[in-house]
PDB file of N, CA and C in Angstrom:
ATOM      1  N   UNK A   1     153.596 101.599   1.144  1.00  0.00           N
ATOM      2  CA  UNK A   1     153.525 103.001   0.875  1.00  0.00           C
ATOM      3  C   UNK A   1     153.986 103.169  -0.454  1.00  0.00           C
ATOM      4  N   UNK A   2     153.239 103.710  -1.326  1.00  0.00           N
ATOM      5  CA  UNK A   2     154.017 103.530  -2.545  1.00  0.00           C
ATOM      6  C   UNK A   2     154.872 104.655  -3.245  1.00  0.00           C
ATOM      7  N   UNK A   3     155.559 104.919  -4.080  1.00  0.00           N
ATOM      8  CA  UNK A   3     156.936 105.936  -4.153  1.00  0.00           C
ATOM      9  C   UNK A   3     155.925 107.478  -4.364  1.00  0.00           C
ATOM     10  N   UNK A   4     154.798 107.212  -4.993  1.00  0.00           N
ATOM     11  CA  UNK A   4     154.150 108.641  -5.433  1.00  0.00           C
ATOM     12  C   UNK A   4     153.666 109.070  -3.797  1.00  0.00           C
ATOM     13  N   UNK A   5     153.457 108.050  -2.587  1.00  0.00           N
ATOM     14  CA  UNK A   5     152.904 108.648  -1.522  1.00  0.00           C
ATOM     15  C   UNK A   5     154.124 109.123  -0.802  1.00  0.00           C
ATOM     16  N   UNK A   6     155.398 108.510  -0.982  1.00  0.00           N
ATOM     17  CA  UNK A   6     156.802 109.138  -0.422  1.00  0.00           C
ATOM     18  C   UNK A   6     157.004 110.636  -0.882  1.00  0.00           C
ATOM     19  N   UNK A   7     156.838 110.661  -1.908  1.00  0.00           N
ATOM     20  CA  UNK A   7     157.540 112.041  -2.562  1.00  0.00           C
ATOM     21  C   UNK A   7     156.230 112.825  -2.349  1.00  0.00           C
ATOM     22  N   UNK A   8     154.926 112.732  -1.964  1.00  0.00           N
ATOM     23  CA  UNK A   8     153.958 113.705  -1.720  1.00  0.00           C
ATOM     24  C   UNK A   8     154.233 114.079  -0.316  1.00  0.00           C
ATOM     25  N   UNK A   9     154.444 112.859   0.849  1.00  0.00           N
ATOM     26  CA  UNK A   9     155.042 113.041   2.019  1.00  0.00           C
ATOM     27  C   UNK A   9     156.053 114.124   2.424  1.00  0.00           C
ATOM     28  N   UNK A  10     157.089 114.086   1.484  1.00  0.00           N
ATOM     29  CA  UNK A  10     158.381 114.361   1.191  1.00  0.00           C
ATOM     30  C   UNK A  10     158.014 116.144   0.859  1.00  0.00           C
ATOM     31  N   UNK A  11     157.298 116.180  -0.121  1.00  0.00           N
ATOM     32  CA  UNK A  11     157.048 117.763  -0.516  1.00  0.00           C
ATOM     33  C   UNK A  11     156.241 118.311   0.824  1.00  0.00           C
ATOM     34  N   UNK A  12     155.233 117.649   1.279  1.00  0.00           N
ATOM     35  CA  UNK A  12     154.372 118.175   2.504  1.00  0.00           C
ATOM     36  C   UNK A  12     155.209 118.622   3.549  1.00  0.00           C
ATOM     37  N   UNK A  13     156.513 117.781   4.046  1.00  0.00           N
ATOM     38  CA  UNK A  13     157.266 118.148   5.122  1.00  0.00           C
ATOM     39  C   UNK A  13     158.454 119.176   4.992  1.00  0.00           C
ATOM     40  N   UNK A  14     158.509 119.434   3.573  1.00  0.00           N
ATOM     41  CA  UNK A  14     159.529 120.064   3.350  1.00  0.00           C
ATOM     42  C   UNK A  14     159.940 121.347   4.104  1.00  0.00           C
ATOM     43  N   UNK A  15     158.714 122.054   4.704  1.00  0.00           N
ATOM     44  CA  UNK A  15     158.553 123.358   5.401  1.00  0.00           C
ATOM     45  C   UNK A  15     158.889 122.730   7.069  1.00  0.00           C
ATOM     46  N   UNK A  16     158.686 121.705   7.233  1.00  0.00           N
ATOM     47  CA  UNK A  16     158.747 121.029   8.562  1.00  0.00           C
ATOM     48  C   UNK A  16     160.046 120.079   8.701  1.00  0.00           C
ATOM     49  N   UNK A  17     161.125 120.637   9.084  1.00  0.00           N
ATOM     50  CA  UNK A  17     162.222 119.428   9.074  1.00  0.00           C
ATOM     51  C   UNK A  17     162.312 118.774  10.249  1.00  0.00           C
ATOM     52  N   UNK A  18     161.843 119.094  11.446  1.00  0.00           N
ATOM     53  CA  UNK A  18     161.766 118.209  12.495  1.00  0.00           C
ATOM     54  C   UNK A  18     160.922 116.909  12.392  1.00  0.00           C
ATOM     55  N   UNK A  19     159.567 117.148  11.607  1.00  0.00           N
ATOM     56  CA  UNK A  19     158.458 116.206  11.493  1.00  0.00           C
ATOM     57  C   UNK A  19     159.370 115.254  10.255  1.00  0.00           C
ATOM     58  N   UNK A  20     159.847 116.194   9.375  1.00  0.00           N
ATOM     59  CA  UNK A  20     160.595 114.942   8.161  1.00  0.00           C
ATOM     60  C   UNK A  20     161.631 114.229   8.622  1.00  0.00           C
ATOM     61  N   UNK A  21     162.625 114.603   9.578  1.00  0.00           N
ATOM     62  CA  UNK A  21     163.447 113.530  10.371  1.00  0.00           C
ATOM     63  C   UNK A  21     162.958 112.715  11.119  1.00  0.00           C
ATOM     64  N   UNK A  22     161.832 112.904  11.733  1.00  0.00           N
ATOM     65  CA  UNK A  22     160.695 111.799  12.498  1.00  0.00           C
ATOM     66  C   UNK A  22     160.326 110.667  11.735  1.00  0.00           C
ATOM     67  N   UNK A  23     159.846 111.433  10.389  1.00  0.00           N
ATOM     68  CA  UNK A  23     159.083 110.608   9.120  1.00  0.00           C
ATOM     69  C   UNK A  23     160.435 109.574   8.626  1.00  0.00           C
ATOM     70  N   UNK A  24     161.736 110.057   8.431  1.00  0.00           N
ATOM     71  CA  UNK A  24     162.859 109.421   7.747  1.00  0.00           C
ATOM     72  C   UNK A  24     163.259 108.456   9.028  1.00  0.00           C
ATOM     73  N   UNK A  25     163.188 108.741  10.508  1.00  0.00           N
ATOM     74  CA  UNK A  25     164.089 107.714  11.041  1.00  0.00           C
ATOM     75  C   UNK A  25     162.855 106.528  11.334  1.00  0.00           C
ATOM     76  N   UNK A  26     161.562 106.749  11.240  1.00  0.00           N
ATOM     77  CA  UNK A  26     160.640 105.792  11.179  1.00  0.00           C
ATOM     78  C   UNK A  26     160.306 104.747  10.088  1.00  0.00           C
ATOM     79  N   UNK A  27     160.356 105.471   9.077  1.00  0.00           N
ATOM     80  CA  UNK A  27     159.784 104.974   7.714  1.00  0.00           C
ATOM     81  C   UNK A  27     161.090 104.218   6.570  1.00  0.00           C
ATOM     82  N   UNK A  28     162.400 104.532   7.262  1.00  0.00           N
ATOM     83  CA  UNK A  28     163.180 104.103   6.213  1.00  0.00           C
ATOM     84  C   UNK A  28     163.695 102.706   6.670  1.00  0.00           C
ATOM     85  N   UNK A  29     164.049 101.809   5.826  1.00  0.00           N
ATOM     86  CA  UNK A  29     163.945 100.034   5.871  1.00  0.00           C
ATOM     87  C   UNK A  29     165.508 100.040   6.776  1.00  0.00           C
ATOM     88  N   UNK A  30     165.282  98.643   7.537  1.00  0.00           N
ATOM     89  CA  UNK A  30     166.290  98.406   8.281  1.00  0.00           C
ATOM     90  C   UNK A  30     167.466  97.991   7.400  1.00  0.00           C
ATOM     91  N   UNK A  31     168.718  98.055   8.002  1.00  0.00           N
ATOM     92  CA  UNK A  31     169.901  97.499   7.137  1.00  0.00           C
ATOM     93  C   UNK A  31     169.586  95.745   7.460  1.00  0.00           C
ATOM     94  N   UNK A  32     169.938  95.212   5.906  1.00  0.00           N
ATOM     95  CA  UNK A  32     170.006  93.897   6.627  1.00  0.00           C
ATOM     96  C   UNK A  32     171.062  93.219   6.813  1.00  0.00           C
ATOM     97  N   UNK A  33     171.148  91.934   7.494  1.00  0.00           N
ATOM     98  CA  UNK A  33     172.454  91.364   8.279  1.00  0.00           C
ATOM     99  C   UNK A  33     172.029  90.037   7.718  1.00  0.00           C
ATOM    100  N   UNK A  34     171.028  89.566   7.476  1.00  0.00           N
ATOM    101  CA  UNK A  34     171.215  88.142   6.942  1.00  0.00           C
ATOM    102  C   UNK A  34     169.917  87.963   5.796  1.00  0.00           C
ATOM    103  N   UNK A  35     170.035  86.892   4.893  1.00  0.00           N
ATOM    104  CA  UNK A  35     169.352  86.727   4.176  1.00  0.00           C
ATOM    105  C   UNK A  35     169.889  86.835   2.772  1.00  0.00           C
ATOM    106  N   UNK A  36     168.860  86.940   1.810  1.00  0.00           N
ATOM    107  CA  UNK A  36     169.439  86.830   0.346  1.00  0.00           C
ATOM    108  C   UNK A  36     169.911  88.016  -0.440  1.00  0.00           C
ATOM    109  N   UNK A  37     169.290  88.998   0.255  1.00  0.00           N
ATOM    110  CA  UNK A  37     169.940  90.373  -0.611  1.00  0.00           C
ATOM    111  C   UNK A  37     171.215  91.067   0.413  1.00  0.00           C
ATOM    112  N   UNK A  38     171.652  90.095   1.133  1.00  0.00           N
ATOM    113  CA  UNK A  38     173.016  90.887   2.034  1.00  0.00           C
ATOM    114  C   UNK A  38     174.260  90.593   0.906  1.00  0.00           C
ATOM    115  N   UNK A  39     174.360  89.721   0.075  1.00  0.00           N
ATOM    116  CA  UNK A  39     175.306  89.787  -0.826  1.00  0.00           C
ATOM    117  C   UNK A  39     174.918  89.550  -2.430  1.00  0.00           C
ATOM    118  N   UNK A  40     175.947  89.954  -3.187  1.00  0.00           N
ATOM    119  CA  UNK A  40     175.630  89.896  -4.640  1.00  0.00           C
ATOM    120  C   UNK A  40     176.419  89.719  -5.392  1.00  0.00           C
ATOM    121  N   UNK A  41     176.657  89.322  -6.626  1.00  0.00           N
ATOM    122  CA  UNK A  41     177.692  88.820  -7.637  1.00  0.00           C
ATOM    123  C   UNK A  41     178.203  90.333  -7.759  1.00  0.00           C
ATOM    124  N   UNK A  42     179.798  90.077  -7.631  1.00  0.00           N
ATOM    125  CA  UNK A  42     180.791  90.990  -8.010  1.00  0.00           C
ATOM    126  C   UNK A  42     180.623  91.772  -9.360  1.00  0.00           C
ATOM    127  N   UNK A  43     180.181  90.841 -10.201  1.00  0.00           N
ATOM    128  CA  UNK A  43     180.553  91.105 -11.751  1.00  0.00           C
ATOM    129  C   UNK A  43     179.173  91.675 -12.561  1.00  0.00           C
ATOM    130  N   UNK A  44     178.017  91.122 -11.883  1.00  0.00           N
ATOM    131  CA  UNK A  44     176.804  91.853 -12.499  1.00  0.00           C
ATOM    132  C   UNK A  44     175.701  92.225 -11.505  1.00  0.00           C
ATOM    133  N   UNK A  45     175.889  91.574 -10.236  1.00  0.00           N
ATOM    134  CA  UNK A  45     174.886  92.235  -9.521  1.00  0.00           C
ATOM    135  C   UNK A  45     173.642  91.496  -8.758  1.00  0.00           C
ATOM    136  N   UNK A  46     173.674  90.203  -9.546  1.00  0.00           N
ATOM    137  CA  UNK A  46     172.728  89.099  -9.258  1.00  0.00           C
ATOM    138  C   UNK A  46     172.790  89.045  -7.635  1.00  0.00           C
ATOM    139  N   UNK A  47     171.726  88.433  -7.092  1.00  0.00           N
ATOM    140  CA  UNK A  47     171.368  88.057  -5.763  1.00  0.00           C
ATOM    141  C   UNK A  47     171.328  86.685  -5.620  1.00  0.00           C
ATOM    142  N   UNK A  48     170.544  85.807  -6.784  1.00  0.00           N
ATOM    143  CA  UNK A  48     170.619  84.439  -6.489  1.00  0.00           C
ATOM    144  C   UNK A  48     171.430  83.731  -7.517  1.00  0.00           C
ATOM    145  N   UNK A  49     171.939  82.601  -6.801  1.00  0.00           N
ATOM    146  CA  UNK A  49     172.691  81.484  -7.704  1.00  0.00           C
ATOM    147  C   UNK A  49     174.083  81.700  -7.277  1.00  0.00           C
ATOM    148  N   UNK A  50     174.252  82.238  -6.018  1.00  0.00           N
ATOM    149  CA  UNK A  50     175.599  83.160  -5.900  1.00  0.00           C
ATOM    150  C   UNK A  50     176.588  81.921  -5.360  1.00  0.00           C
ATOM    151  N   UNK A  51     177.799  81.867  -6.028  1.00  0.00           N
ATOM    152  CA  UNK A  51     178.944  80.948  -5.538  1.00  0.00           C
ATOM    153  C   UNK A  51     180.019  81.747  -4.765  1.00  0.00           C
ATOM    154  N   UNK A  52     179.917  80.959  -3.097  1.00  0.00           N
ATOM    155  CA  UNK A  52     180.581  81.632  -2.256  1.00  0.00           C
ATOM    156  C   UNK A  52     181.661  81.102  -1.921  1.00  0.00           C
ATOM    157  N   UNK A  53     182.029  80.128  -2.660  1.00  0.00           N
ATOM    158  CA  UNK A  53     183.337  78.916  -2.268  1.00  0.00           C
ATOM    159  C   UNK A  53     184.438  79.707  -2.544  1.00  0.00           C
ATOM    160  N   UNK A  54     185.559  79.668  -1.845  1.00  0.00           N
ATOM    161  CA  UNK A  54     186.653  80.290  -2.279  1.00  0.00           C
ATOM    162  C   UNK A  54     186.901  81.671  -2.354  1.00  0.00           C
ATOM    163  N   UNK A  55     185.822  82.275  -1.410  1.00  0.00           N
ATOM    164  CA  UNK A  55     185.591  83.677  -1.554  1.00  0.00           C
ATOM    165  C   UNK A  55     185.244  84.336  -3.206  1.00  0.00           C
ATOM    166  N   UNK A  56     184.580  83.951  -4.118  1.00  0.00           N
ATOM    167  CA  UNK A  56     184.484  84.003  -5.489  1.00  0.00           C
ATOM    168  C   UNK A  56     183.461  85.017  -5.518  1.00  0.00           C
ATOM    169  N   UNK A  57     182.157  84.889  -4.812  1.00  0.00           N
ATOM    170  CA  UNK A  57     181.191  85.861  -4.729  1.00  0.00           C
ATOM    171  C   UNK A  57     180.678  86.217  -6.325  1.00  0.00           C
ATOM    172  N   UNK A  58     180.429  85.108  -7.200  1.00  0.00           N
ATOM    173  CA  UNK A  58     180.011  85.078  -8.385  1.00  0.00           C
ATOM    174  C   UNK A  58     178.807  84.322  -8.775  1.00  0.00           C
ATOM    175  N   UNK A  59     177.881  84.820  -9.194  1.00  0.00           N
ATOM    176  CA  UNK A  59     176.696  84.391  -9.590  1.00  0.00           C
ATOM    177  C   UNK A  59     177.027  82.768 -10.283  1.00  0.00           C
ATOM    178  N   UNK A  60     176.089  82.072 -10.844  1.00  0.00           N
ATOM    179  CA  UNK A  60     176.482  81.029 -11.456  1.00  0.00           C
ATOM    180  C   UNK A  60     176.502  81.159 -13.190  1.00  0.00           C
ATOM    181  N   UNK A  61     176.140  82.178 -13.427  1.00  0.00           N
ATOM    182  CA  UNK A  61     176.222  82.620 -14.775  1.00  0.00           C
ATOM    183  C   UNK A  61     177.729  82.975 -14.991  1.00  0.00           C
ATOM    184  N   UNK A  62     177.935  84.047 -14.606  1.00  0.00           N
ATOM    185  CA  UNK A  62     179.134  84.838 -14.552  1.00  0.00           C
ATOM    186  C   UNK A  62     180.298  83.899 -14.339  1.00  0.00           C
ATOM    187  N   UNK A  63     180.292  82.848 -13.356  1.00  0.00           N
ATOM    188  CA  UNK A  63     181.329  81.725 -13.109  1.00  0.00           C
ATOM    189  C   UNK A  63     181.488  81.015 -14.295  1.00  0.00           C
ATOM    190  N   UNK A  64     180.301  80.440 -15.038  1.00  0.00           N
ATOM    191  CA  UNK A  64     180.487  79.474 -16.207  1.00  0.00           C
ATOM    192  C   UNK A  64     181.167  80.499 -17.048  1.00  0.00           C
ATOM    193  N   UNK A  65     181.200  81.918 -17.245  1.00  0.00           N
ATOM    194  CA  UNK A  65     182.030  82.638 -18.334  1.00  0.00           C
ATOM    195  C   UNK A  65     183.273  82.688 -17.672  1.00  0.00           C
ATOM    196  N   UNK A  66     183.531  82.838 -16.470  1.00  0.00           N
ATOM    197  CA  UNK A  66     185.008  83.207 -15.865  1.00  0.00           C
ATOM    198  C   UNK A  66     185.768  82.239 -15.456  1.00  0.00           C
ATOM    199  N   UNK A  67     185.419  81.017 -15.508  1.00  0.00           N
ATOM    200  CA  UNK A  67     185.803  79.692 -14.937  1.00  0.00           C
ATOM    201  C   UNK A  67     187.193  79.412 -15.217  1.00  0.00           C
ATOM    202  N   UNK A  68     187.245  79.623 -16.791  1.00  0.00           N
ATOM    203  CA  UNK A  68     188.567  79.485 -17.599  1.00  0.00           C
ATOM    204  C   UNK A  68     189.589  80.071 -17.009  1.00  0.00           C
ATOM    205  N   UNK A  69     189.042  81.586 -16.974  1.00  0.00           N
ATOM    206  CA  UNK A  69     190.247  82.464 -16.433  1.00  0.00           C
ATOM    207  C   UNK A  69     190.692  82.395 -15.154  1.00  0.00           C
ATOM    208  N   UNK A  70     189.969  81.829 -14.382  1.00  0.00           N
ATOM    209  CA  UNK A  70     190.093  81.764 -12.875  1.00  0.00           C
ATOM    210  C   UNK A  70     190.880  80.508 -12.824  1.00  0.00           C
ATOM    211  N   UNK A  71     191.051  79.512 -13.447  1.00  0.00           N
ATOM    212  CA  UNK A  71     191.682  78.187 -13.394  1.00  0.00           C
ATOM    213  C   UNK A  71     191.231  76.914 -13.269  1.00  0.00           C
ATOM    214  N   UNK A  72     189.554  77.192 -13.336  1.00  0.00           N
ATOM    215  CA  UNK A  72     189.084  76.090 -13.068  1.00  0.00           C
ATOM    216  C   UNK A  72     188.790  75.123 -14.266  1.00  0.00           C
ATOM    217  N   UNK A  73     189.050  73.648 -14.410  1.00  0.00           N
ATOM    218  CA  UNK A  73     188.693  72.800 -15.622  1.00  0.00           C
ATOM    219  C   UNK A  73     187.471  72.029 -15.533  1.00  0.00           C
ATOM    220  N   UNK A  74     186.868  71.964 -16.716  1.00  0.00           N
ATOM    221  CA  UNK A  74     185.788  71.194 -16.606  1.00  0.00           C
ATOM    222  C   UNK A  74     186.005  69.821 -17.077  1.00  0.00           C
ATOM    223  N   UNK A  75     185.492  68.994 -15.804  1.00  0.00           N
ATOM    224  CA  UNK A  75     185.666  67.365 -16.152  1.00  0.00           C
ATOM    225  C   UNK A  75     184.324  66.797 -16.748  1.00  0.00           C
ATOM    226  N   UNK A  76     184.531  65.879 -17.886  1.00  0.00           N
ATOM    227  CA  UNK A  76     183.591  64.977 -18.472  1.00  0.00           C
ATOM    228  C   UNK A  76     183.196  64.107 -17.551  1.00  0.00           C
TER     229      UNK A  76
END
């Protein structure tokens, strides 16, 4: 269902609160407990390339920028 359809349905059901609640109950997305979108970078909000070691929760791009401040050293 597209965004326009949702807004159209909400407008139609505005005068019928019981039907609106039933529509919301059955059409809202489930809360995710596993998968890629459950965690995101603390700094920028990206979901991909997340570094979770030491509870950093930073994406690889932000980690590269913040590594020196966090006390990580680059070895050649």
